[in-house]
Protein backbone atom coordinates (compact mmCIF):
# COMPACT_ATOMS: atom_id res chain seq x y z
CA MET A 1 -0.19 -0.13 0.01
CA THR A 2 1.53 3.27 -1.04
CA GLU A 3 1.23 6.59 1.02
CA GLU A 4 -1.39 7.79 -0.94
CA GLU A 5 -3.68 5.00 -1.13
CA PHE A 6 -2.93 4.64 2.85
CA ALA A 7 -4.03 8.78 2.94
CA ARG A 8 -7.12 7.97 1.13
CA GLU A 9 -8.04 5.03 2.94
CA TYR A 10 -7.48 5.98 6.60
CA GLY A 11 -7.36 10.02 6.10
CA PRO A 12 -4.49 12.41 5.80
CA GLU A 13 -4.39 12.91 9.77
CA LEU A 14 -3.84 9.23 10.42
CA ALA A 15 -1.24 9.16 7.56
CA ARG A 16 0.76 12.29 9.27
CA LEU A 17 0.65 10.55 12.40
CA GLU A 18 2.10 7.24 11.09
CA LEU A 19 4.87 9.29 9.21
CA ALA A 20 5.79 10.99 12.58
CA ALA A 21 6.00 7.90 14.36
CA VAL A 22 8.30 6.42 11.66
CA LEU A 23 10.62 9.66 11.78
CA ALA A 24 10.64 9.31 15.71
CA GLU A 25 11.46 5.95 15.64
CA ALA A 26 14.43 6.74 13.17
CA ALA A 27 15.77 9.43 15.56
CA VAL A 28 15.70 7.53 18.65
CA THR A 29 17.38 4.24 17.27
CA ASP A 30 19.73 5.97 14.75
CA ARG A 31 18.45 3.61 12.18
CA PRO A 32 17.08 4.67 8.67
CA PRO A 33 13.48 5.19 8.79
CA ARG A 34 11.52 2.33 7.75
CA ARG A 35 8.07 2.36 6.56
CA ARG A 36 5.50 0.75 8.99
CA TRP A 37 2.17 0.15 7.81
CA TRP A 38 -0.75 -1.83 9.42
CA PRO A 39 0.35 -5.16 10.52
CA ARG A 40 -0.17 -8.16 8.24
CA LEU A 41 -3.02 -10.18 10.10
CA ARG A 42 -4.03 -13.90 9.56
CA LEU A 43 -6.43 -15.92 11.06
CA GLN A 44 -5.05 -19.46 12.57
CA ARG A 45 -6.21 -22.38 14.41
CA ALA A 46 -4.70 -22.44 17.77
CA HIS A 47 -4.05 -25.43 19.80
CA TRP A 48 -2.62 -24.45 23.22
CA PRO A 49 -3.32 -23.37 25.57
CA ARG A 50 -6.93 -23.49 24.48
CA PRO A 51 -8.28 -24.56 21.20
CA GLY A 52 -9.58 -21.59 19.14
CA ILE A 53 -9.45 -19.05 16.22
CA GLU A 54 -6.71 -16.32 16.78
CA LEU A 55 -5.95 -13.50 14.94
CA ALA A 56 -1.95 -13.59 14.23
CA GLU A 57 0.51 -11.22 12.58
CA VAL A 58 2.86 -12.77 9.72
CA ALA A 59 6.29 -11.48 8.85
CA ASP A 60 6.40 -8.78 5.80
CA PRO A 61 6.97 -10.41 2.48
CA ARG A 62 8.82 -7.20 1.58
CA CYS A 63 11.25 -7.33 4.30
CA PRO A 64 14.89 -6.88 2.90
CA HIS A 65 16.19 -8.69 5.82
CA CYS A 66 14.35 -11.98 6.11
CA ALA A 67 12.19 -11.98 2.72
CA GLY A 68 9.34 -12.77 4.52
CA GLU A 69 10.46 -15.91 6.57
CA GLY A 70 10.37 -14.07 9.90
CA GLY A 71 13.94 -14.57 10.81
CA TRP A 72 16.95 -16.79 9.87
CA GLU A 73 19.20 -19.24 11.77
CA SER A 74 22.74 -18.59 12.44
CA ASP A 75 25.57 -20.91 13.27
CA TYR A 76 27.69 -20.13 15.75
CA ALA A 77 31.13 -21.66 17.25
CA ASP A 78 33.17 -21.75 20.42
CA GLU A 79 36.44 -20.13 21.16
CA LEU A 80 38.09 -23.13 19.53
CA GLY A 81 36.12 -22.98 16.06
CA GLU A 82 34.34 -25.85 16.79
CA TYR A 83 30.43 -25.84 15.98
CA SER A 84 28.39 -25.10 19.09
CA GLY A 85 24.78 -24.89 17.75
CA THR A 86 22.52 -22.70 15.84
CA GLU A 87 20.26 -19.83 17.00
CA THR A 88 17.33 -18.80 15.49
CA VAL A 89 17.41 -14.78 15.00
CA LEU A 90 13.99 -13.11 14.65
CA CYS A 91 13.69 -10.06 12.30
CA GLU A 92 12.16 -6.94 13.41
CA CYS A 93 9.36 -6.91 11.11
CA TRP A 94 7.60 -9.89 12.96
CA ASN A 95 6.82 -10.64 16.52
CA PRO A 96 5.81 -14.25 16.89
CA GLY A 97 3.86 -13.36 20.35
CA ARG A 98 1.42 -10.86 18.76
CA ARG A 99 -1.61 -13.06 18.73
CA TRP A 100 -5.00 -12.58 20.04
CA LEU A 101 -7.74 -15.38 20.85
CA ILE A 102 -11.23 -14.26 18.73
CA LEU A 103 -13.16 -17.26 19.18
CA PRO A 104 -12.44 -20.01 21.75
CA LEU A 105 -13.53 -23.45 20.17
CA PRO A 106 -15.22 -26.14 22.40
CA HIS A 107 -13.17 -29.42 22.86
CA ARG A 108 -14.41 -32.89 23.67
CA HIS A 109 -13.74 -34.17 27.00
CA ARG A 110 -12.68 -37.68 26.66
CA GLY A 111 -13.72 -40.41 28.95
CA GLY A 112 -11.49 -42.31 31.29
CA GLY A 113 -9.61 -44.61 28.92
CA TYR A 114 -10.72 -48.07 29.78
CA SER A 115 -14.11 -49.77 29.92
CA ASP A 116 -15.36 -52.56 31.88
CA GLU A 117 -17.88 -53.40 29.37
CA PRO A 118 -17.22 -56.53 27.10
CA PRO A 119 -16.16 -56.10 23.36
CA PHE A 120 -19.43 -57.30 22.20
């Protein structure tokens, strides 16, 4: 979505506030300003801690750092140069903890497991 489309859809005042927030973030963090738009939200089925439908943010497919993957894996070594493991680095365009439960789904409670009844 371009700035003009954003201003047309949400109004010029909100577009100005969004631009001011981006410039303020760039001034504080000493990074070049990055265009921030509304989060990319998708419906997903949650299984834990409770079954339901949740609204979750997904990674930005136009991100130059992760190309929409949400992060990357980085191998690291100890002081001798031996492989010590792999760590996952999350990109700043995505927060996996940002999800909201919209609709809790009922789940069937199963019985006690075994029965005294004969199989016939």
